[in-house]
C-alpha cells in the first residue's frame, strides 16, 4: 500500500489550481511504492524501495494509443546545484526552488527556466518525438534581484 510522502522531502508546486512541478528531494526514503503523479499525467513519477529478494514479475507494456498535448519533463540531478524558476504561460514569474544532487523534479505545467548555481550533471527525461524550435516558446528570464525562494 502506498503511504503518504514525507512532506519535508516532497513538494507539489501549484499556481491557481495548476500543478507546475512535483519535487522529490534526495532525502526521501520510505519502503514500498509511492506514485506522486495522478493517473492522467503524461509522465508518471514514482519512488520504489524494496527489500533484498523482492521479485518484480517480468512484464511488457501493451500498445495503448495516448494523446500528449503538453510536454512534461523530469530532471534527475546527479551532481551540482540548479535553480528552477517557475512562470505562468503569460509568462509571469512566480517563484523558484534550488535543486541539489539526488533531487528529482517533474515539470508538469506552466513555464520554467534554469540557472546553474554549481557545475551540474543531470538527466532529462521527456516525451518524444522532439519537434525542435516549434516544441517550445522562449522568453526573458526573471531578474536576479526579484527572485522568490522559500
N, C-alpha and C. Protein backbone atom coordinates (compact mmCIF):
# COMPACT_ATOMS: atom_id res chain seq x y z
N UNK A 1 0.84 -1.19 0.00
CA UNK A 1 0.00 0.00 0.00
C UNK A 1 0.88 1.25 0.00
N UNK A 2 0.48 2.23 -0.74
CA UNK A 2 1.25 3.47 -0.82
C UNK A 2 0.98 4.33 0.40
N UNK A 3 2.07 4.81 1.02
CA UNK A 3 1.96 5.71 2.16
C UNK A 3 2.04 7.14 1.66
N UNK A 4 1.54 8.07 2.48
CA UNK A 4 1.67 9.49 2.11
C UNK A 4 3.14 9.88 2.17
N UNK A 5 3.61 10.67 1.19
CA UNK A 5 5.01 11.08 1.19
C UNK A 5 5.35 11.99 2.37
N UNK A 6 6.58 11.91 2.81
CA UNK A 6 7.07 12.77 3.89
C UNK A 6 7.09 14.21 3.38
N UNK A 7 6.34 15.13 4.01
CA UNK A 7 6.23 16.49 3.47
C UNK A 7 7.55 17.24 3.34
N UNK A 8 8.53 16.95 4.17
CA UNK A 8 9.77 17.70 4.08
C UNK A 8 10.64 17.24 2.90
N UNK A 9 10.30 16.12 2.30
CA UNK A 9 11.08 15.61 1.18
C UNK A 9 10.30 15.54 -0.13
N UNK A 10 9.07 16.03 -0.10
CA UNK A 10 8.25 16.05 -1.31
C UNK A 10 7.43 17.33 -1.32
N UNK A 11 7.36 17.97 -2.49
CA UNK A 11 6.60 19.21 -2.59
C UNK A 11 5.87 19.26 -3.93
N UNK A 12 4.61 19.68 -3.88
CA UNK A 12 3.85 19.96 -5.09
C UNK A 12 3.82 21.48 -5.23
N UNK A 13 4.27 21.98 -6.36
CA UNK A 13 4.30 23.42 -6.61
C UNK A 13 3.14 23.73 -7.55
N UNK A 14 2.19 24.53 -7.07
CA UNK A 14 0.97 24.84 -7.81
C UNK A 14 0.78 26.34 -7.94
N UNK A 15 -0.02 26.72 -8.94
CA UNK A 15 -0.44 28.11 -9.09
C UNK A 15 -1.84 28.10 -9.67
N UNK A 16 -2.77 28.71 -8.93
CA UNK A 16 -4.17 28.81 -9.36
C UNK A 16 -4.72 27.48 -9.84
N UNK A 17 -4.48 26.43 -9.06
CA UNK A 17 -5.03 25.12 -9.35
C UNK A 17 -4.27 24.28 -10.36
N UNK A 18 -3.24 24.85 -10.99
CA UNK A 18 -2.43 24.09 -11.96
C UNK A 18 -1.17 23.59 -11.28
N UNK A 19 -0.87 22.31 -11.44
CA UNK A 19 0.37 21.75 -10.92
C UNK A 19 1.49 22.13 -11.86
N UNK A 20 2.47 22.89 -11.33
CA UNK A 20 3.63 23.30 -12.13
C UNK A 20 4.73 22.27 -12.05
N UNK A 21 4.91 21.68 -10.85
CA UNK A 21 6.02 20.73 -10.68
C UNK A 21 5.78 19.86 -9.45
N UNK A 22 6.38 18.70 -9.49
CA UNK A 22 6.47 17.80 -8.34
C UNK A 22 7.94 17.65 -8.03
N UNK A 23 8.33 17.94 -6.79
CA UNK A 23 9.74 17.95 -6.40
C UNK A 23 9.98 16.88 -5.35
N UNK A 24 10.79 15.90 -5.69
CA UNK A 24 11.17 14.81 -4.79
C UNK A 24 12.61 15.02 -4.37
N UNK A 25 12.82 15.35 -3.11
CA UNK A 25 14.17 15.61 -2.60
C UNK A 25 14.94 14.32 -2.38
N UNK A 26 16.26 14.43 -2.43
CA UNK A 26 17.16 13.29 -2.29
C UNK A 26 16.93 12.53 -0.99
N UNK A 27 16.48 13.20 0.06
CA UNK A 27 16.31 12.57 1.36
C UNK A 27 15.08 11.71 1.51
N UNK A 28 14.21 11.66 0.48
CA UNK A 28 13.01 10.83 0.58
C UNK A 28 13.42 9.37 0.72
N UNK A 29 12.82 8.69 1.69
CA UNK A 29 13.22 7.30 1.97
C UNK A 29 12.07 6.62 2.71
N UNK A 30 11.22 5.91 1.97
CA UNK A 30 10.12 5.17 2.57
C UNK A 30 9.96 3.85 1.85
N UNK A 31 9.75 2.78 2.60
CA UNK A 31 9.56 1.48 1.96
C UNK A 31 8.28 1.44 1.12
N UNK A 32 8.29 0.61 0.10
CA UNK A 32 7.12 0.42 -0.73
C UNK A 32 7.19 1.20 -2.02
N UNK A 33 6.02 1.36 -2.62
CA UNK A 33 5.89 2.07 -3.90
C UNK A 33 5.07 3.32 -3.66
N UNK A 34 5.58 4.44 -4.12
CA UNK A 34 4.92 5.73 -3.92
C UNK A 34 4.81 6.45 -5.26
N UNK A 35 3.60 6.53 -5.80
CA UNK A 35 3.35 7.30 -7.01
C UNK A 35 2.97 8.71 -6.59
N UNK A 36 3.60 9.69 -7.16
CA UNK A 36 3.37 11.09 -6.81
C UNK A 36 2.46 11.79 -7.82
N UNK A 37 2.28 11.18 -8.98
CA UNK A 37 1.51 11.81 -10.05
C UNK A 37 0.11 11.22 -10.12
N UNK A 38 -0.86 12.05 -10.52
CA UNK A 38 -2.19 11.50 -10.80
C UNK A 38 -2.12 10.66 -12.08
N UNK A 39 -3.05 9.75 -12.25
CA UNK A 39 -3.04 8.83 -13.39
C UNK A 39 -3.14 9.50 -14.74
N UNK A 40 -3.65 10.75 -14.79
CA UNK A 40 -3.82 11.41 -16.10
C UNK A 40 -2.58 12.17 -16.56
N UNK A 41 -1.50 12.24 -15.75
CA UNK A 41 -0.27 12.90 -16.19
C UNK A 41 0.38 12.07 -17.30
N UNK A 42 0.96 12.75 -18.29
CA UNK A 42 1.60 12.05 -19.40
C UNK A 42 2.98 11.51 -19.02
N UNK A 43 3.52 11.94 -17.90
CA UNK A 43 4.72 11.34 -17.29
C UNK A 43 4.29 10.87 -15.91
N UNK A 44 4.73 9.70 -15.52
CA UNK A 44 4.40 9.18 -14.20
C UNK A 44 5.69 9.15 -13.37
N UNK A 45 5.60 9.64 -12.12
CA UNK A 45 6.77 9.70 -11.24
C UNK A 45 6.48 8.88 -9.99
N UNK A 46 7.36 7.92 -9.72
CA UNK A 46 7.20 7.06 -8.55
C UNK A 46 8.56 6.83 -7.90
N UNK A 47 8.53 6.55 -6.60
CA UNK A 47 9.71 6.14 -5.84
C UNK A 47 9.43 4.72 -5.37
N UNK A 48 10.44 3.87 -5.46
CA UNK A 48 10.27 2.48 -5.03
C UNK A 48 11.44 2.06 -4.16
N UNK A 49 11.10 1.40 -3.06
CA UNK A 49 12.12 0.84 -2.17
C UNK A 49 11.65 -0.55 -1.78
N UNK A 50 12.46 -1.56 -2.14
CA UNK A 50 12.09 -2.95 -1.87
C UNK A 50 13.23 -3.65 -1.14
N UNK A 51 12.91 -4.64 -0.32
CA UNK A 51 13.95 -5.40 0.37
C UNK A 51 14.66 -6.37 -0.59
N UNK A 52 15.84 -6.80 -0.19
CA UNK A 52 16.60 -7.80 -0.92
C UNK A 52 15.72 -9.03 -1.16
N UNK A 53 15.75 -9.55 -2.36
CA UNK A 53 14.99 -10.75 -2.69
C UNK A 53 13.61 -10.48 -3.26
N UNK A 54 13.13 -9.26 -3.20
CA UNK A 54 11.83 -8.92 -3.76
C UNK A 54 11.85 -9.23 -5.25
N UNK A 55 10.82 -9.91 -5.73
CA UNK A 55 10.72 -10.24 -7.14
C UNK A 55 9.63 -9.38 -7.77
N UNK A 56 9.99 -8.69 -8.84
CA UNK A 56 9.02 -7.94 -9.62
C UNK A 56 8.79 -8.77 -10.88
N UNK A 57 7.56 -9.19 -11.06
CA UNK A 57 7.23 -10.11 -12.15
C UNK A 57 7.66 -9.55 -13.50
N UNK A 58 8.27 -10.38 -14.35
CA UNK A 58 8.60 -9.94 -15.70
C UNK A 58 7.33 -9.48 -16.41
N UNK A 59 7.45 -8.46 -17.23
CA UNK A 59 6.28 -7.94 -17.92
C UNK A 59 6.70 -7.10 -19.12
N UNK A 60 5.76 -6.80 -19.96
CA UNK A 60 5.96 -5.82 -21.01
C UNK A 60 4.73 -4.93 -21.02
N UNK A 61 4.84 -3.81 -21.70
CA UNK A 61 3.75 -2.85 -21.74
C UNK A 61 2.99 -2.98 -23.06
N UNK A 62 1.68 -3.06 -22.95
CA UNK A 62 0.83 -3.22 -24.12
C UNK A 62 0.74 -1.93 -24.91
N UNK A 63 0.62 -2.03 -26.24
CA UNK A 63 0.46 -0.82 -27.05
C UNK A 63 -0.92 -0.21 -26.77
N UNK A 64 -0.93 1.01 -26.27
CA UNK A 64 -2.16 1.73 -26.00
C UNK A 64 -1.97 3.14 -26.57
N UNK A 65 -2.80 3.53 -27.53
CA UNK A 65 -2.66 4.89 -28.08
C UNK A 65 -2.88 5.93 -26.97
N UNK A 66 -2.03 6.94 -26.94
CA UNK A 66 -2.14 8.02 -25.98
C UNK A 66 -2.00 9.34 -26.73
N UNK A 67 -2.70 10.35 -26.25
CA UNK A 67 -2.55 11.67 -26.83
C UNK A 67 -1.86 12.56 -25.81
N UNK A 68 -0.73 13.15 -26.21
CA UNK A 68 0.03 14.05 -25.35
C UNK A 68 -0.10 15.45 -25.91
N UNK A 69 -0.63 16.37 -25.08
CA UNK A 69 -0.82 17.74 -25.53
C UNK A 69 0.37 18.61 -25.16
N UNK A 70 0.82 18.52 -23.91
CA UNK A 70 1.96 19.30 -23.43
C UNK A 70 3.08 18.36 -23.02
N UNK A 71 4.31 18.78 -23.30
CA UNK A 71 5.47 18.01 -22.87
C UNK A 71 5.67 18.20 -21.38
N UNK A 72 5.81 17.09 -20.66
CA UNK A 72 6.22 17.12 -19.27
C UNK A 72 7.61 16.51 -19.23
N UNK A 73 8.49 17.09 -18.40
CA UNK A 73 9.85 16.57 -18.35
C UNK A 73 10.28 16.31 -16.91
N UNK A 74 11.18 15.36 -16.77
CA UNK A 74 11.72 15.00 -15.47
C UNK A 74 13.22 15.28 -15.50
N UNK A 75 13.72 15.97 -14.45
CA UNK A 75 15.15 16.20 -14.31
C UNK A 75 15.64 15.44 -13.09
N UNK A 76 16.73 14.71 -13.26
CA UNK A 76 17.38 13.98 -12.17
C UNK A 76 18.74 14.65 -11.97
N UNK A 77 18.93 15.27 -10.82
CA UNK A 77 20.18 15.98 -10.55
C UNK A 77 21.20 14.98 -9.99
N UNK A 78 22.25 14.75 -10.74
CA UNK A 78 23.28 13.80 -10.31
C UNK A 78 24.38 14.48 -9.50
N UNK A 79 24.71 15.74 -9.90
CA UNK A 79 25.78 16.48 -9.22
C UNK A 79 25.56 17.96 -9.46
N UNK A 80 25.86 18.78 -8.44
CA UNK A 80 25.78 20.22 -8.59
C UNK A 80 24.50 20.80 -8.01
N UNK A 81 24.25 22.07 -8.37
CA UNK A 81 23.06 22.80 -7.88
C UNK A 81 22.44 23.56 -9.04
N UNK A 82 21.12 23.54 -9.10
CA UNK A 82 20.37 24.16 -10.19
C UNK A 82 19.19 24.93 -9.60
N UNK A 83 19.03 26.19 -10.00
CA UNK A 83 17.84 26.94 -9.60
C UNK A 83 16.80 26.79 -10.70
N UNK A 84 15.57 26.45 -10.30
CA UNK A 84 14.45 26.35 -11.23
C UNK A 84 13.52 27.53 -10.95
N UNK A 85 13.21 28.29 -11.98
CA UNK A 85 12.30 29.41 -11.87
C UNK A 85 10.98 29.02 -12.54
N UNK A 86 9.86 29.25 -11.85
CA UNK A 86 8.54 28.88 -12.35
C UNK A 86 7.79 30.11 -12.85
N UNK A 87 7.08 29.93 -13.97
CA UNK A 87 6.35 31.00 -14.64
C UNK A 87 4.94 30.52 -15.00
N UNK A 88 4.04 31.48 -15.19
CA UNK A 88 2.75 31.18 -15.80
C UNK A 88 2.99 31.11 -17.31
N UNK A 89 1.96 30.80 -18.08
CA UNK A 89 2.10 30.76 -19.54
C UNK A 89 2.06 32.15 -20.16
N UNK A 90 1.77 33.21 -19.38
CA UNK A 90 1.65 34.57 -19.94
C UNK A 90 2.94 35.11 -20.55
N UNK A 91 4.11 35.04 -20.18
CA UNK A 91 4.70 34.43 -18.99
C UNK A 91 4.93 35.47 -17.87
N UNK A 92 4.62 35.05 -16.65
CA UNK A 92 4.85 35.89 -15.48
C UNK A 92 5.59 35.04 -14.45
N UNK A 93 6.69 35.58 -13.90
CA UNK A 93 7.49 34.87 -12.91
C UNK A 93 6.68 34.66 -11.63
N UNK A 94 6.80 33.47 -11.03
CA UNK A 94 6.08 33.14 -9.80
C UNK A 94 7.02 32.95 -8.61
N UNK A 95 7.92 31.97 -8.70
CA UNK A 95 8.81 31.63 -7.60
C UNK A 95 9.90 30.69 -8.10
N UNK A 96 10.84 30.33 -7.21
CA UNK A 96 11.98 29.48 -7.58
C UNK A 96 12.23 28.43 -6.52
N UNK A 97 12.98 27.39 -6.90
CA UNK A 97 13.48 26.38 -5.97
C UNK A 97 14.91 26.06 -6.38
N UNK A 98 15.73 25.63 -5.42
CA UNK A 98 17.09 25.19 -5.71
C UNK A 98 17.14 23.67 -5.56
N UNK A 99 17.65 23.01 -6.61
CA UNK A 99 17.78 21.55 -6.61
C UNK A 99 19.24 21.19 -6.39
N UNK A 100 19.44 20.08 -5.68
CA UNK A 100 20.79 19.59 -5.40
C UNK A 100 20.90 18.13 -5.79
N UNK A 101 22.10 17.58 -5.70
CA UNK A 101 22.36 16.20 -6.09
C UNK A 101 21.37 15.26 -5.42
N UNK A 102 20.78 14.39 -6.25
CA UNK A 102 19.82 13.41 -5.77
C UNK A 102 18.38 13.86 -5.88
N UNK A 103 18.13 15.14 -6.09
CA UNK A 103 16.76 15.64 -6.24
C UNK A 103 16.22 15.25 -7.62
N UNK A 104 14.89 15.08 -7.67
CA UNK A 104 14.19 14.77 -8.92
C UNK A 104 13.00 15.71 -9.01
N UNK A 105 12.81 16.30 -10.18
CA UNK A 105 11.66 17.19 -10.37
C UNK A 105 10.93 16.81 -11.64
N UNK A 106 9.61 16.76 -11.57
CA UNK A 106 8.77 16.58 -12.74
C UNK A 106 8.15 17.94 -13.04
N UNK A 107 8.47 18.50 -14.19
CA UNK A 107 7.94 19.80 -14.61
C UNK A 107 6.67 19.52 -15.40
N UNK A 108 5.52 19.86 -14.81
CA UNK A 108 4.24 19.40 -15.32
C UNK A 108 3.43 20.46 -16.06
N UNK A 109 3.59 21.74 -15.70
CA UNK A 109 2.77 22.76 -16.31
C UNK A 109 3.42 24.13 -16.20
N UNK A 110 2.77 25.13 -16.78
CA UNK A 110 3.33 26.48 -16.75
C UNK A 110 4.63 26.55 -17.52
N UNK A 111 5.45 27.56 -17.17
CA UNK A 111 6.76 27.71 -17.80
C UNK A 111 7.85 27.54 -16.77
N UNK A 112 9.06 27.38 -17.24
CA UNK A 112 10.20 27.21 -16.33
C UNK A 112 11.48 27.66 -17.01
N UNK A 113 12.43 28.06 -16.18
CA UNK A 113 13.77 28.43 -16.64
C UNK A 113 14.76 27.98 -15.58
N UNK A 114 16.03 28.02 -15.91
CA UNK A 114 17.04 27.47 -15.03
C UNK A 114 18.27 28.36 -14.97
N UNK A 115 18.96 28.31 -13.82
CA UNK A 115 20.31 28.87 -13.72
C UNK A 115 21.15 27.87 -12.96
N UNK A 116 22.29 27.52 -13.55
CA UNK A 116 23.22 26.60 -12.90
C UNK A 116 23.97 27.37 -11.82
N UNK A 117 23.84 26.92 -10.57
CA UNK A 117 24.48 27.59 -9.43
C UNK A 117 25.82 26.94 -9.08
N UNK A 118 25.97 25.69 -9.45
CA UNK A 118 27.21 24.95 -9.22
C UNK A 118 27.27 23.90 -10.34
N UNK A 119 28.40 23.78 -11.01
CA UNK A 119 28.52 22.89 -12.17
C UNK A 119 27.67 21.65 -11.98
N UNK A 120 26.90 21.33 -13.01
CA UNK A 120 25.86 20.33 -12.85
C UNK A 120 25.98 19.17 -13.82
N UNK A 121 25.56 18.02 -13.34
CA UNK A 121 25.30 16.84 -14.16
C UNK A 121 23.86 16.48 -13.89
N UNK A 122 23.07 16.34 -14.94
CA UNK A 122 21.67 15.96 -14.74
C UNK A 122 21.20 15.12 -15.91
N UNK A 123 20.13 14.41 -15.67
CA UNK A 123 19.50 13.60 -16.70
C UNK A 123 18.11 14.19 -16.93
N UNK A 124 17.74 14.37 -18.21
CA UNK A 124 16.41 14.87 -18.56
C UNK A 124 15.65 13.76 -19.26
N UNK A 125 14.39 13.57 -18.86
CA UNK A 125 13.53 12.55 -19.45
C UNK A 125 12.24 13.25 -19.85
N UNK A 126 11.85 13.13 -21.13
CA UNK A 126 10.59 13.72 -21.57
C UNK A 126 10.05 12.93 -22.75
N UNK A 127 8.80 13.24 -23.12
CA UNK A 127 8.19 12.54 -24.23
C UNK A 127 8.81 12.96 -25.55
N UNK A 128 8.74 12.10 -26.49
CA UNK A 128 9.13 12.40 -27.84
C UNK A 128 7.94 12.14 -28.75
N UNK A 129 8.10 12.33 -30.03
CA UNK A 129 9.29 12.87 -30.66
C UNK A 129 9.46 14.36 -30.38
N UNK A 130 10.70 14.83 -30.56
CA UNK A 130 11.04 16.23 -30.33
C UNK A 130 10.88 17.00 -31.63
N UNK A 131 10.24 18.17 -31.57
CA UNK A 131 9.95 18.96 -32.76
C UNK A 131 10.82 20.20 -32.90
N UNK A 132 11.97 20.22 -32.23
CA UNK A 132 12.90 21.34 -32.38
C UNK A 132 12.33 22.64 -31.88
N UNK A 133 12.56 23.74 -32.60
CA UNK A 133 12.14 25.08 -32.18
C UNK A 133 10.62 25.21 -32.01
N UNK A 134 9.83 24.42 -32.74
CA UNK A 134 8.38 24.55 -32.59
C UNK A 134 7.88 23.86 -31.33
N UNK A 135 8.76 23.18 -30.61
CA UNK A 135 8.39 22.45 -29.40
C UNK A 135 8.27 23.36 -28.18
N UNK A 136 8.81 24.58 -28.24
CA UNK A 136 8.77 25.47 -27.07
C UNK A 136 8.76 26.93 -27.47
N UNK A 137 8.26 27.76 -26.54
CA UNK A 137 8.26 29.21 -26.69
C UNK A 137 9.24 29.77 -25.67
N UNK A 138 10.23 30.50 -26.13
CA UNK A 138 11.25 31.08 -25.24
C UNK A 138 10.87 32.51 -24.85
N UNK A 139 11.31 32.94 -23.65
CA UNK A 139 11.05 34.30 -23.17
C UNK A 139 12.17 34.72 -22.23
N UNK A 140 12.18 35.98 -21.81
CA UNK A 140 13.24 36.53 -20.97
C UNK A 140 13.17 35.97 -19.55
N UNK A 141 14.33 35.67 -18.94
CA UNK A 141 14.35 35.15 -17.57
C UNK A 141 14.08 36.24 -16.54
N UNK A 142 13.74 35.80 -15.34
CA UNK A 142 13.50 36.70 -14.23
C UNK A 142 14.81 37.41 -13.85
N UNK A 143 14.70 38.65 -13.41
CA UNK A 143 15.87 39.40 -12.93
C UNK A 143 16.27 38.84 -11.57
N UNK A 144 17.55 38.65 -11.35
CA UNK A 144 18.06 38.06 -10.12
C UNK A 144 17.56 38.77 -8.87
N UNK A 145 17.44 40.07 -8.91
CA UNK A 145 17.04 40.83 -7.71
C UNK A 145 15.57 40.61 -7.34
N UNK A 146 14.77 39.97 -8.22
CA UNK A 146 13.36 39.74 -7.91
C UNK A 146 13.03 38.28 -7.61
N UNK A 147 14.06 37.45 -7.41
CA UNK A 147 13.84 36.03 -7.11
C UNK A 147 13.05 35.83 -5.83
N UNK A 148 12.19 34.81 -5.82
CA UNK A 148 11.43 34.42 -4.64
C UNK A 148 11.78 32.97 -4.31
N UNK A 149 12.53 32.79 -3.22
CA UNK A 149 12.92 31.44 -2.78
C UNK A 149 12.36 31.20 -1.38
N UNK A 150 11.93 29.97 -1.10
CA UNK A 150 11.42 29.69 0.25
C UNK A 150 12.51 29.75 1.31
